[in-house]
Amino acid sequence: TTGWWAARVPRDVTILCRQPVEPREVAEALLLHDETWGVRALDDGPMVQVCRDATHPVITVLGVRRVDSFDEVERILPDAPTLATPLWWVDTVTPAGPDGESGISAALEAAMDLDAV
């Protein structure tokens, strides 16, 4: 379904890493996409946000968790490529619009740097 709200809905972007990774490492890989971007912690917790400037986030790293069974990945992401386990599931979200498109591009590049998909 599409409508006026579809253009404003954030998008989930999942990165599946073959090696252990921390949210800050993911953010550092995302920053390689554009050297002018910055990173900030959210609420003094594990979430980090990569921003174009002080008011424009491009992608938020919500968290990382270890997955020991590929069945769990297939259940949530049926089209994911088969990977050996354990793997590390990185949850991110991008805003709608051009900033979010930049976040998705950064996530694709970061996945290559992190030996992930």
N, C-alpha and C. Protein backbone atom coordinates (compact mmCIF):
# COMPACT_ATOMS: atom_id res chain seq x y z
N THR A 1 0.84 -1.18 0.00
CA THR A 1 0.00 0.00 0.00
C THR A 1 0.88 1.24 0.00
N THR A 2 0.52 2.22 -0.76
CA THR A 2 1.26 3.48 -0.77
C THR A 2 0.30 4.59 -0.43
N GLY A 3 0.82 5.64 0.03
CA GLY A 3 0.02 6.80 0.39
C GLY A 3 0.95 7.92 0.82
N TRP A 4 0.39 9.01 1.30
CA TRP A 4 1.20 10.15 1.71
C TRP A 4 2.17 9.78 2.81
N TRP A 5 1.80 8.83 3.66
CA TRP A 5 2.65 8.44 4.79
C TRP A 5 3.83 7.57 4.36
N ALA A 6 3.73 6.91 3.21
CA ALA A 6 4.79 6.00 2.77
C ALA A 6 6.11 6.74 2.56
N ALA A 7 6.05 7.99 2.17
CA ALA A 7 7.28 8.75 1.94
C ALA A 7 7.96 9.14 3.25
N ARG A 8 7.25 9.00 4.38
CA ARG A 8 7.80 9.41 5.66
C ARG A 8 8.19 8.24 6.56
N VAL A 9 7.99 7.04 6.12
CA VAL A 9 8.25 5.86 6.95
C VAL A 9 9.73 5.50 6.91
N PRO A 10 10.37 5.39 8.09
CA PRO A 10 11.76 4.96 8.10
C PRO A 10 11.89 3.53 7.57
N ARG A 11 13.07 3.18 7.12
CA ARG A 11 13.29 1.84 6.57
C ARG A 11 14.30 1.08 7.41
N ASP A 12 14.00 -0.18 7.66
CA ASP A 12 14.92 -1.06 8.36
C ASP A 12 15.97 -1.55 7.38
N VAL A 13 17.22 -1.54 7.81
CA VAL A 13 18.32 -2.08 7.02
C VAL A 13 19.07 -3.05 7.93
N THR A 14 19.15 -4.31 7.53
CA THR A 14 19.82 -5.33 8.32
C THR A 14 21.16 -5.66 7.70
N ILE A 15 22.19 -5.69 8.54
CA ILE A 15 23.53 -6.10 8.11
C ILE A 15 23.85 -7.38 8.86
N LEU A 16 24.23 -8.43 8.13
CA LEU A 16 24.61 -9.70 8.74
C LEU A 16 26.12 -9.85 8.65
N CYS A 17 26.78 -9.80 9.81
CA CYS A 17 28.24 -9.85 9.86
C CYS A 17 28.74 -11.25 10.20
N ARG A 18 29.80 -11.64 9.53
CA ARG A 18 30.39 -12.96 9.77
C ARG A 18 31.27 -13.00 11.00
N GLN A 19 31.71 -11.83 11.48
CA GLN A 19 32.59 -11.73 12.64
C GLN A 19 31.93 -10.86 13.71
N PRO A 20 32.34 -11.02 14.98
CA PRO A 20 31.79 -10.16 16.04
C PRO A 20 32.02 -8.69 15.72
N VAL A 21 31.04 -7.88 16.02
CA VAL A 21 31.10 -6.45 15.74
C VAL A 21 30.32 -5.71 16.81
N GLU A 22 30.75 -4.51 17.12
CA GLU A 22 30.06 -3.65 18.08
C GLU A 22 29.40 -2.50 17.32
N PRO A 23 28.34 -1.89 17.90
CA PRO A 23 27.67 -0.78 17.22
C PRO A 23 28.63 0.33 16.80
N ARG A 24 29.60 0.65 17.64
CA ARG A 24 30.55 1.73 17.29
C ARG A 24 31.38 1.36 16.06
N GLU A 25 31.77 0.09 15.93
CA GLU A 25 32.52 -0.35 14.75
C GLU A 25 31.68 -0.22 13.48
N VAL A 26 30.40 -0.53 13.60
CA VAL A 26 29.50 -0.39 12.45
C VAL A 26 29.41 1.08 12.06
N ALA A 27 29.25 1.96 13.07
CA ALA A 27 29.17 3.39 12.79
C ALA A 27 30.44 3.89 12.11
N GLU A 28 31.59 3.42 12.56
CA GLU A 28 32.86 3.83 11.94
C GLU A 28 32.92 3.38 10.48
N ALA A 29 32.43 2.19 10.18
CA ALA A 29 32.38 1.72 8.80
C ALA A 29 31.42 2.57 7.97
N LEU A 30 30.31 2.97 8.56
CA LEU A 30 29.35 3.82 7.87
C LEU A 30 29.94 5.19 7.55
N LEU A 31 30.77 5.70 8.45
CA LEU A 31 31.38 7.02 8.26
C LEU A 31 32.32 7.06 7.06
N LEU A 32 32.83 5.91 6.65
CA LEU A 32 33.73 5.87 5.49
C LEU A 32 33.03 6.31 4.20
N HIS A 33 31.71 6.26 4.20
CA HIS A 33 30.93 6.65 3.02
C HIS A 33 31.07 8.15 2.73
N ASP A 34 31.17 8.95 3.79
CA ASP A 34 31.25 10.40 3.62
C ASP A 34 32.05 10.98 4.79
N GLU A 35 33.22 11.50 4.49
CA GLU A 35 34.11 11.99 5.55
C GLU A 35 33.58 13.22 6.28
N THR A 36 32.52 13.84 5.77
CA THR A 36 31.97 15.02 6.44
C THR A 36 30.92 14.64 7.49
N TRP A 37 30.49 13.38 7.51
CA TRP A 37 29.49 12.95 8.47
C TRP A 37 30.09 12.83 9.86
N GLY A 38 29.20 12.81 10.85
CA GLY A 38 29.61 12.61 12.23
C GLY A 38 28.78 11.52 12.87
N VAL A 39 29.14 11.16 14.10
CA VAL A 39 28.42 10.11 14.82
C VAL A 39 28.14 10.60 16.23
N ARG A 40 26.99 10.19 16.76
CA ARG A 40 26.64 10.55 18.14
C ARG A 40 25.93 9.38 18.80
N ALA A 41 26.15 9.25 20.10
CA ALA A 41 25.45 8.22 20.88
C ALA A 41 24.05 8.74 21.20
N LEU A 42 23.10 7.84 21.29
CA LEU A 42 21.73 8.22 21.65
C LEU A 42 21.43 7.77 23.07
N ASP A 43 21.00 8.67 23.89
CA ASP A 43 20.58 8.37 25.26
C ASP A 43 21.63 7.62 26.07
N ASP A 44 22.91 7.91 25.82
CA ASP A 44 24.01 7.27 26.55
C ASP A 44 23.93 5.75 26.51
N GLY A 45 23.34 5.20 25.47
CA GLY A 45 23.20 3.75 25.36
C GLY A 45 23.98 3.21 24.18
N PRO A 46 23.67 1.98 23.78
CA PRO A 46 24.42 1.35 22.69
C PRO A 46 24.03 1.86 21.30
N MET A 47 22.91 2.57 21.19
CA MET A 47 22.50 3.07 19.88
C MET A 47 23.38 4.25 19.46
N VAL A 48 23.78 4.23 18.19
CA VAL A 48 24.55 5.35 17.65
C VAL A 48 23.91 5.81 16.35
N GLN A 49 24.04 7.10 16.12
CA GLN A 49 23.41 7.69 14.94
C GLN A 49 24.50 8.36 14.10
N VAL A 50 24.50 8.05 12.81
CA VAL A 50 25.40 8.69 11.86
C VAL A 50 24.60 9.82 11.21
N CYS A 51 25.19 11.02 11.25
CA CYS A 51 24.46 12.22 10.81
C CYS A 51 25.22 13.00 9.75
N ARG A 52 24.45 13.59 8.85
CA ARG A 52 25.02 14.50 7.85
C ARG A 52 25.43 15.79 8.52
N ASP A 53 24.61 16.25 9.48
CA ASP A 53 24.92 17.41 10.30
C ASP A 53 24.11 17.28 11.59
N ALA A 54 24.08 18.30 12.41
CA ALA A 54 23.46 18.20 13.74
C ALA A 54 21.98 17.83 13.71
N THR A 55 21.30 18.09 12.62
CA THR A 55 19.85 17.84 12.57
C THR A 55 19.42 16.83 11.52
N HIS A 56 20.36 16.19 10.83
CA HIS A 56 20.00 15.28 9.75
C HIS A 56 20.67 13.92 9.88
N PRO A 57 20.04 13.00 10.62
CA PRO A 57 20.59 11.64 10.67
C PRO A 57 20.42 10.95 9.32
N VAL A 58 21.40 10.11 8.97
CA VAL A 58 21.29 9.34 7.74
C VAL A 58 21.06 7.86 8.03
N ILE A 59 21.53 7.38 9.19
CA ILE A 59 21.30 5.99 9.58
C ILE A 59 21.55 5.86 11.07
N THR A 60 20.74 5.05 11.73
CA THR A 60 20.89 4.80 13.16
C THR A 60 21.17 3.32 13.37
N VAL A 61 22.23 3.03 14.10
CA VAL A 61 22.56 1.64 14.47
C VAL A 61 21.84 1.37 15.79
N LEU A 62 20.84 0.51 15.73
CA LEU A 62 20.01 0.24 16.91
C LEU A 62 20.65 -0.78 17.85
N GLY A 63 21.40 -1.71 17.29
CA GLY A 63 22.02 -2.72 18.13
C GLY A 63 22.57 -3.87 17.31
N VAL A 64 23.34 -4.71 18.01
CA VAL A 64 23.95 -5.89 17.41
C VAL A 64 23.65 -7.07 18.32
N ARG A 65 23.28 -8.19 17.72
CA ARG A 65 23.11 -9.40 18.54
C ARG A 65 23.64 -10.61 17.79
N ARG A 66 24.15 -11.53 18.57
CA ARG A 66 24.69 -12.77 18.01
C ARG A 66 23.53 -13.71 17.67
N VAL A 67 23.63 -14.36 16.52
CA VAL A 67 22.64 -15.34 16.09
C VAL A 67 23.36 -16.66 15.90
N ASP A 68 22.91 -17.71 16.59
CA ASP A 68 23.57 -19.01 16.54
C ASP A 68 22.90 -20.01 15.61
N SER A 69 21.71 -19.67 15.09
CA SER A 69 21.00 -20.58 14.20
C SER A 69 20.53 -19.82 12.97
N PHE A 70 20.91 -20.31 11.79
CA PHE A 70 20.49 -19.63 10.58
C PHE A 70 18.98 -19.72 10.38
N ASP A 71 18.33 -20.69 11.00
CA ASP A 71 16.86 -20.79 10.93
C ASP A 71 16.20 -19.50 11.39
N GLU A 72 16.78 -18.86 12.39
CA GLU A 72 16.22 -17.61 12.90
C GLU A 72 16.32 -16.51 11.84
N VAL A 73 17.43 -16.46 11.12
CA VAL A 73 17.60 -15.48 10.05
C VAL A 73 16.57 -15.76 8.95
N GLU A 74 16.46 -17.01 8.52
CA GLU A 74 15.51 -17.37 7.45
C GLU A 74 14.07 -17.04 7.82
N ARG A 75 13.74 -17.19 9.09
CA ARG A 75 12.38 -16.91 9.54
C ARG A 75 12.04 -15.43 9.35
N ILE A 76 13.00 -14.54 9.64
CA ILE A 76 12.75 -13.11 9.57
C ILE A 76 13.10 -12.53 8.21
N LEU A 77 14.19 -13.04 7.62
CA LEU A 77 14.65 -12.57 6.30
C LEU A 77 14.75 -13.76 5.34
N PRO A 78 13.63 -14.21 4.80
CA PRO A 78 13.64 -15.42 3.98
C PRO A 78 14.52 -15.33 2.73
N ASP A 79 14.81 -14.14 2.25
CA ASP A 79 15.64 -13.99 1.05
C ASP A 79 17.12 -13.79 1.36
N ALA A 80 17.50 -13.85 2.63
CA ALA A 80 18.91 -13.64 3.00
C ALA A 80 19.77 -14.77 2.46
N PRO A 81 20.99 -14.44 2.04
CA PRO A 81 21.89 -15.50 1.59
C PRO A 81 22.29 -16.39 2.78
N THR A 82 22.54 -17.65 2.52
CA THR A 82 22.92 -18.58 3.58
C THR A 82 24.32 -18.26 4.06
N LEU A 83 24.45 -18.10 5.37
CA LEU A 83 25.74 -17.81 5.99
C LEU A 83 25.98 -18.79 7.12
N ALA A 84 27.24 -19.04 7.39
CA ALA A 84 27.58 -19.88 8.53
C ALA A 84 27.26 -19.14 9.83
N THR A 85 26.94 -19.88 10.85
CA THR A 85 26.70 -19.28 12.16
C THR A 85 27.82 -19.72 13.10
N PRO A 86 28.09 -18.96 14.14
CA PRO A 86 27.33 -17.77 14.52
C PRO A 86 27.59 -16.60 13.57
N LEU A 87 26.63 -15.69 13.56
CA LEU A 87 26.78 -14.43 12.84
C LEU A 87 26.22 -13.33 13.73
N TRP A 88 26.49 -12.09 13.35
CA TRP A 88 26.08 -10.95 14.16
C TRP A 88 25.12 -10.11 13.35
N TRP A 89 23.90 -9.99 13.88
CA TRP A 89 22.79 -9.31 13.24
C TRP A 89 22.83 -7.85 13.70
N VAL A 90 22.97 -6.94 12.73
CA VAL A 90 23.01 -5.51 13.03
C VAL A 90 21.71 -4.89 12.57
N ASP A 91 20.96 -4.32 13.51
CA ASP A 91 19.72 -3.62 13.19
C ASP A 91 20.03 -2.15 12.99
N THR A 92 19.62 -1.62 11.83
CA THR A 92 19.75 -0.18 11.58
C THR A 92 18.43 0.32 11.01
N VAL A 93 18.26 1.62 11.05
CA VAL A 93 17.09 2.24 10.45
C VAL A 93 17.53 3.53 9.79
N THR A 94 16.95 3.80 8.61
CA THR A 94 17.24 5.03 7.88
C THR A 94 15.97 5.87 7.77
N PRO A 95 16.11 7.19 7.74
CA PRO A 95 14.92 8.02 7.55
C PRO A 95 14.46 7.96 6.11
N ALA A 96 13.26 8.39 5.87
CA ALA A 96 12.74 8.50 4.51
C ALA A 96 13.44 9.65 3.82
N GLY A 97 13.47 9.62 2.51
CA GLY A 97 14.01 10.74 1.74
C GLY A 97 15.48 10.60 1.40
N PRO A 98 16.07 11.67 0.89
CA PRO A 98 17.45 11.64 0.41
C PRO A 98 18.47 11.25 1.49
N ASP A 99 18.27 11.70 2.72
CA ASP A 99 19.20 11.32 3.78
C ASP A 99 19.18 9.82 4.00
N GLY A 100 17.99 9.23 3.95
CA GLY A 100 17.86 7.78 4.10
C GLY A 100 18.51 7.03 2.95
N GLU A 101 18.39 7.57 1.73
CA GLU A 101 19.05 6.95 0.58
C GLU A 101 20.56 6.94 0.78
N SER A 102 21.08 8.04 1.32
CA SER A 102 22.52 8.08 1.62
C SER A 102 22.88 7.05 2.68
N GLY A 103 22.00 6.88 3.67
CA GLY A 103 22.23 5.88 4.71
C GLY A 103 22.25 4.46 4.15
N ILE A 104 21.36 4.18 3.21
CA ILE A 104 21.33 2.85 2.59
C ILE A 104 22.61 2.61 1.79
N SER A 105 23.05 3.61 1.04
CA SER A 105 24.31 3.48 0.29
C SER A 105 25.47 3.23 1.23
N ALA A 106 25.49 3.96 2.35
CA ALA A 106 26.56 3.79 3.34
C ALA A 106 26.52 2.38 3.93
N ALA A 107 25.31 1.86 4.17
CA ALA A 107 25.18 0.51 4.73
C ALA A 107 25.71 -0.54 3.76
N LEU A 108 25.45 -0.37 2.48
CA LEU A 108 25.96 -1.31 1.48
C LEU A 108 27.49 -1.30 1.45
N GLU A 109 28.08 -0.10 1.50
CA GLU A 109 29.54 0.01 1.52
C GLU A 109 30.10 -0.55 2.83
N ALA A 110 29.45 -0.25 3.94
CA ALA A 110 29.92 -0.73 5.24
C ALA A 110 29.89 -2.26 5.30
N ALA A 111 28.86 -2.85 4.69
CA ALA A 111 28.78 -4.32 4.69
C ALA A 111 30.01 -4.92 4.02
N MET A 112 30.47 -4.31 2.95
CA MET A 112 31.68 -4.82 2.30
C MET A 112 32.89 -4.67 3.21
N ASP A 113 33.01 -3.53 3.88
CA ASP A 113 34.13 -3.30 4.78
C ASP A 113 34.10 -4.23 5.99
N LEU A 114 32.90 -4.64 6.40
CA LEU A 114 32.74 -5.48 7.58
C LEU A 114 32.66 -6.98 7.23
N ASP A 115 32.91 -7.33 5.97
CA ASP A 115 32.76 -8.72 5.51
C ASP A 115 31.37 -9.24 5.87
N ALA A 116 30.38 -8.48 5.46
CA ALA A 116 28.99 -8.76 5.82
C ALA A 116 28.12 -8.69 4.57
N VAL A 117 26.84 -9.01 4.78
CA VAL A 117 25.85 -8.87 3.71
C VAL A 117 24.65 -8.11 4.24
